């Protein structure tokens, strides 16, 4: 079944984000002019555990500047869809699987993926300036197979909305959460209003951290199609190139934010 989204719900949500989250986080989004027309894969760093305010800020900014065609469908973890699917699906949240994303790209859409998933979103606060994709390359395989460019997106400051004291990787292995929840991390967070929590899905009141999001120039790959997507070494080189681009973008954005 082809996913459906509600343009009116997206417009309302984007308006609320600009009215509430933008001033709350003193948000700044740059590089919208780098977004090309046609299908593309946005690839970003994941932040803030359960709260992903930078996702809403990014999507709202693109919607405001470029319209619905460039507003991303968002690959979403099963846990997020299970808990909030009723509200997220009309906004364009879709299961994080290859076939669904490939179908949308083939139809000319733009899709947003966070390759690091919970490994990146639950990284320790001391690693907030690092992009952790956890050696995952499926996003590069997707872009190569569909022949679409990758647009790097880096959010600085979004990981300051709570303090991740431990990513809980050892706990996740002990509980075998990868098997029954598709989670590889079980983070220990210091957040408001709960204080210390040791669960991956407890909503919290985000701290009013300043968030800056930068969109980089699109990355085009020389080879494309099924044969190229099955070349593991080529896919890994493409993934390394994207990871490097997002990290460099985050480094520059973080440095500029600290200077301001």
Protein backbone atom coordinates (compact mmCIF):
# COMPACT_ATOMS: atom_id res chain seq x y z
CA UNK A 1 0.00 0.00 0.00
CA UNK A 2 1.32 3.43 -0.99
CA UNK A 3 1.77 5.70 2.06
CA UNK A 4 -0.48 8.73 2.27
CA UNK A 5 0.09 12.07 3.93
CA UNK A 6 -2.24 14.98 4.60
CA UNK A 7 -1.08 18.28 3.04
CA UNK A 8 -3.40 20.26 5.32
CA UNK A 9 -2.07 18.53 8.45
CA UNK A 10 1.49 19.21 7.29
CA UNK A 11 0.74 22.89 6.70
CA UNK A 12 -0.84 23.23 10.15
CA UNK A 13 2.05 21.45 11.82
CA UNK A 14 4.61 23.58 9.96
CA UNK A 15 2.82 26.74 11.07
CA UNK A 16 2.86 25.61 14.70
CA UNK A 17 6.53 24.73 14.50
CA UNK A 18 7.39 28.20 13.18
CA UNK A 19 5.23 29.81 15.85
CA UNK A 20 6.38 27.73 18.84
CA UNK A 21 9.56 25.72 18.26
CA UNK A 22 11.47 28.27 16.18
CA UNK A 23 11.44 30.97 18.91
CA UNK A 24 11.79 28.42 21.71
CA UNK A 25 14.99 27.01 20.21
CA UNK A 26 16.06 30.30 18.57
CA UNK A 27 16.30 28.09 15.51
CA UNK A 28 18.23 28.97 12.40
CA UNK A 29 18.11 26.93 9.19
CA UNK A 30 20.60 27.62 6.39
CA UNK A 31 21.29 26.15 2.96
CA UNK A 32 17.73 25.68 1.72
CA UNK A 33 18.95 26.99 -1.63
CA UNK A 34 21.06 23.82 -2.00
CA UNK A 35 17.98 21.62 -2.32
CA UNK A 36 17.62 20.45 -5.94
CA UNK A 37 14.35 19.73 -7.69
CA UNK A 38 13.30 16.13 -8.12
CA UNK A 39 13.78 13.05 -5.94
CA UNK A 40 16.56 13.04 -3.35
CA UNK A 41 17.52 11.48 -0.04
CA UNK A 42 18.07 13.82 2.90
CA UNK A 43 20.63 12.27 5.29
CA UNK A 44 21.06 13.78 8.74
CA UNK A 45 22.41 13.25 12.22
CA UNK A 46 19.89 12.09 14.82
CA UNK A 47 19.50 13.97 18.11
CA UNK A 48 17.61 14.14 21.35
CA UNK A 49 16.45 10.58 21.85
CA UNK A 50 12.66 10.52 21.85
CA UNK A 51 12.38 14.26 21.20
CA UNK A 52 13.45 15.12 17.65
CA UNK A 53 12.65 18.80 17.48
CA UNK A 54 15.24 19.35 14.78
CA UNK A 55 13.24 17.09 12.45
CA UNK A 56 10.18 19.32 12.77
CA UNK A 57 12.26 22.48 12.44
CA UNK A 58 13.94 21.19 9.30
CA UNK A 59 10.74 19.96 7.65
CA UNK A 60 8.85 23.16 8.51
CA UNK A 61 11.62 25.33 7.05
CA UNK A 62 11.69 23.33 3.82
CA UNK A 63 7.90 23.40 3.60
CA UNK A 64 7.86 27.17 4.06
CA UNK A 65 10.62 27.84 1.54
CA UNK A 66 10.02 25.14 -1.07
CA UNK A 67 6.53 23.73 -0.63
CA UNK A 68 5.20 20.22 -0.19
CA UNK A 69 7.17 18.67 -3.08
CA UNK A 70 10.50 19.14 -1.27
CA UNK A 71 9.10 18.48 2.23
CA UNK A 72 10.45 15.08 3.24
CA UNK A 73 8.76 11.84 3.98
CA UNK A 74 10.51 10.65 7.14
CA UNK A 75 11.76 7.11 7.74
CA UNK A 76 10.58 6.44 11.29
CA UNK A 77 11.50 3.78 13.83
CA UNK A 78 8.87 1.14 14.57
CA UNK A 79 8.63 2.31 18.19
CA UNK A 80 7.81 5.86 17.12
CA UNK A 81 5.09 4.65 14.76
CA UNK A 82 3.67 2.31 17.40
CA UNK A 83 3.42 5.08 19.99
CA UNK A 84 2.64 8.12 17.82
CA UNK A 85 1.70 6.75 14.42
CA UNK A 86 -1.80 8.21 14.58
CA UNK A 87 -0.30 11.72 14.57
CA UNK A 88 2.91 11.10 12.63
CA UNK A 89 1.64 9.19 9.61
CA UNK A 90 -0.45 12.12 8.25
CA UNK A 91 2.73 14.22 8.46
CA UNK A 92 4.66 11.80 6.27
CA UNK A 93 6.17 9.34 8.75
CA UNK A 94 6.76 5.96 7.12
CA UNK A 95 8.31 2.65 8.23
CA UNK A 96 12.07 2.59 7.95
CA UNK A 97 12.29 -0.07 5.28
CA UNK A 98 14.07 -0.12 1.93
CA UNK A 99 11.08 -0.97 -0.26
CA UNK A 100 8.85 1.84 1.04
CA UNK A 101 11.58 4.46 0.69
CA UNK A 102 12.57 3.22 -2.78
CA UNK A 103 8.96 3.41 -3.98
CA UNK A 104 8.63 7.01 -2.80
CA UNK A 105 11.92 8.04 -4.40
CA UNK A 106 10.95 6.37 -7.66
CA UNK A 107 7.75 8.43 -7.63
CA UNK A 108 9.82 11.63 -7.44
CA UNK A 109 9.60 12.34 -3.71
CA UNK A 110 12.19 13.39 -1.16
CA UNK A 111 12.85 11.15 1.84
CA UNK A 112 14.64 11.91 5.12
CA UNK A 113 16.68 9.24 6.87
CA UNK A 114 18.76 9.21 10.03
CA UNK A 115 21.18 6.33 9.40
CA UNK A 116 22.46 6.33 12.98
CA UNK A 117 18.95 5.74 14.36
CA UNK A 118 19.07 5.09 18.13
CA UNK A 119 22.87 4.72 18.10
CA UNK A 120 23.14 8.35 17.05
CA UNK A 121 20.10 9.68 18.88
CA UNK A 122 21.23 8.09 22.16
CA UNK A 123 24.91 9.00 21.89
CA UNK A 124 26.42 10.45 25.05
CA UNK A 125 26.21 14.19 25.57
CA UNK A 126 30.01 14.36 25.44
CA UNK A 127 29.75 13.03 21.86
CA UNK A 128 27.16 15.60 20.82
CA UNK A 129 29.42 16.95 18.08
CA UNK A 130 29.98 13.52 16.53
CA UNK A 131 27.96 11.88 13.78
CA UNK A 132 27.50 8.21 14.65
CA UNK A 133 26.10 6.10 11.81
CA UNK A 134 27.17 2.87 13.54
CA UNK A 135 28.65 1.41 10.33
CA UNK A 136 25.22 1.39 8.64
CA UNK A 137 25.24 1.77 4.86
CA UNK A 138 21.66 0.99 3.82
CA UNK A 139 20.97 4.65 3.07
CA UNK A 140 23.83 4.77 0.56
CA UNK A 141 22.61 1.55 -1.05
CA UNK A 142 19.14 3.12 -1.33
CA UNK A 143 20.44 6.29 -3.01
CA UNK A 144 22.64 4.32 -5.41
CA UNK A 145 19.88 1.84 -6.30
CA UNK A 146 17.38 4.63 -7.00
CA UNK A 147 19.90 6.90 -8.70
CA UNK A 148 19.11 9.92 -6.52
CA UNK A 149 21.44 12.47 -4.93
CA UNK A 150 22.04 12.66 -1.19
CA UNK A 151 21.48 15.99 0.55
CA UNK A 152 23.50 16.18 3.80
CA UNK A 153 21.74 17.80 6.77
CA UNK A 154 23.44 18.60 10.09
CA UNK A 155 21.72 19.82 13.26
CA UNK A 156 23.88 21.47 15.91
CA UNK A 157 22.56 22.05 19.43
CA UNK A 158 19.64 19.63 19.15
CA UNK A 159 21.43 17.11 21.37
CA UNK A 160 21.41 19.69 24.18
CA UNK A 161 17.67 19.31 24.78
CA UNK A 162 18.53 16.64 27.37
CA UNK A 163 21.75 15.17 28.73
CA UNK A 164 22.48 11.58 27.70
CA UNK A 165 24.74 10.20 30.41
CA UNK A 166 25.06 6.72 28.90
CA UNK A 167 23.86 5.23 25.63
CA UNK A 168 23.04 1.98 27.41
CA UNK A 169 24.43 -0.26 24.66
CA UNK A 170 25.40 -2.95 27.18
CA UNK A 171 21.93 -2.89 28.74
CA UNK A 172 20.31 -3.19 25.32
CA UNK A 173 22.45 -6.24 24.57
CA UNK A 174 21.53 -7.78 27.92
CA UNK A 175 17.82 -7.20 27.35
CA UNK A 176 18.10 -8.28 23.70
CA UNK A 177 16.09 -5.25 22.68
CA UNK A 178 17.37 -5.46 19.13
CA UNK A 179 15.31 -8.60 18.65
CA UNK A 180 12.00 -7.42 20.10
CA UNK A 181 12.19 -3.61 19.76
CA UNK A 182 14.81 -3.09 17.05
CA UNK A 183 16.75 -0.97 19.54
CA UNK A 184 20.50 -1.21 20.06
CA UNK A 185 20.62 1.44 22.81
CA UNK A 186 18.82 1.87 26.16
CA UNK A 187 19.93 5.37 27.24
CA UNK A 188 20.25 6.94 30.66
CA UNK A 189 19.00 10.53 30.38
CA UNK A 190 18.97 13.54 32.65
CA UNK A 191 15.93 15.54 31.56
CA UNK A 192 12.99 17.67 32.70
CA UNK A 193 10.76 17.04 34.53
CA UNK A 194 11.78 13.44 35.31
CA UNK A 195 15.39 13.83 36.31
CA UNK A 196 17.11 10.51 35.64
CA UNK A 197 15.32 8.09 33.33
CA UNK A 198 16.56 4.78 31.99
CA UNK A 199 14.12 4.21 29.15
CA UNK A 200 14.36 5.06 25.45
CA UNK A 201 10.82 6.33 24.92
CA UNK A 202 9.87 8.60 27.83
CA UNK A 203 8.77 12.03 26.51
CA UNK A 204 10.50 14.90 28.26
CA UNK A 205 10.35 18.68 28.34
CA UNK A 206 13.19 19.75 26.03
CA UNK A 207 15.61 22.32 27.31
CA UNK A 208 15.49 25.57 25.28
CA UNK A 209 18.76 24.82 23.51
CA UNK A 210 19.65 26.90 20.48
CA UNK A 211 19.35 24.71 17.36
CA UNK A 212 21.08 25.47 14.09
CA UNK A 213 20.45 23.29 11.04
CA UNK A 214 22.60 23.41 7.92
CA UNK A 215 21.75 21.87 4.55
CA UNK A 216 24.70 21.06 2.34
CA UNK A 217 25.08 20.79 -1.44
CA UNK A 218 23.77 17.54 -2.94
CA UNK A 219 26.12 14.61 -3.37
CA UNK A 220 25.89 12.75 -6.69
CA UNK A 221 27.29 9.27 -7.19
CA UNK A 222 28.99 8.19 -10.42
CA UNK A 223 27.31 4.79 -10.55
CA UNK A 224 23.67 3.97 -10.01
CA UNK A 225 21.17 1.15 -10.38
CA UNK A 226 20.87 -2.42 -9.01
CA UNK A 227 24.33 -3.58 -10.09
CA UNK A 228 26.05 -0.66 -8.37
CA UNK A 229 23.87 -1.15 -5.27
CA UNK A 230 25.07 -4.76 -5.01
CA UNK A 231 28.74 -3.70 -5.12
CA UNK A 232 29.45 -3.69 -1.38
CA UNK A 233 32.77 -1.87 -1.60
CA UNK A 234 31.30 0.86 -3.79
CA UNK A 235 28.32 1.31 -1.48
CA UNK A 236 30.64 1.60 1.52
CA UNK A 237 32.72 4.24 -0.25
CA UNK A 238 29.54 6.20 -0.98
CA UNK A 239 28.44 5.85 2.65
CA UNK A 240 31.82 7.05 3.90
CA UNK A 241 31.59 10.07 1.61
CA UNK A 242 28.15 10.99 2.97
CA UNK A 243 29.18 10.43 6.59
CA UNK A 244 32.19 12.68 6.07
CA UNK A 245 30.02 15.38 4.50
CA UNK A 246 27.51 15.37 7.39
CA UNK A 247 30.33 15.42 9.97
CA UNK A 248 32.11 18.32 8.27
CA UNK A 249 28.83 20.19 8.03
CA UNK A 250 28.17 19.59 11.73
CA UNK A 251 31.70 20.73 12.63
CA UNK A 252 31.27 24.02 10.77
CA UNK A 253 27.76 24.58 12.08
CA UNK A 254 28.75 23.84 15.68
CA UNK A 255 31.76 26.14 15.48
CA UNK A 256 29.67 28.98 14.03
CA UNK A 257 26.98 28.48 16.68
CA UNK A 258 29.54 28.59 19.50
CA UNK A 259 30.99 31.77 18.03
CA UNK A 260 27.57 33.44 17.98
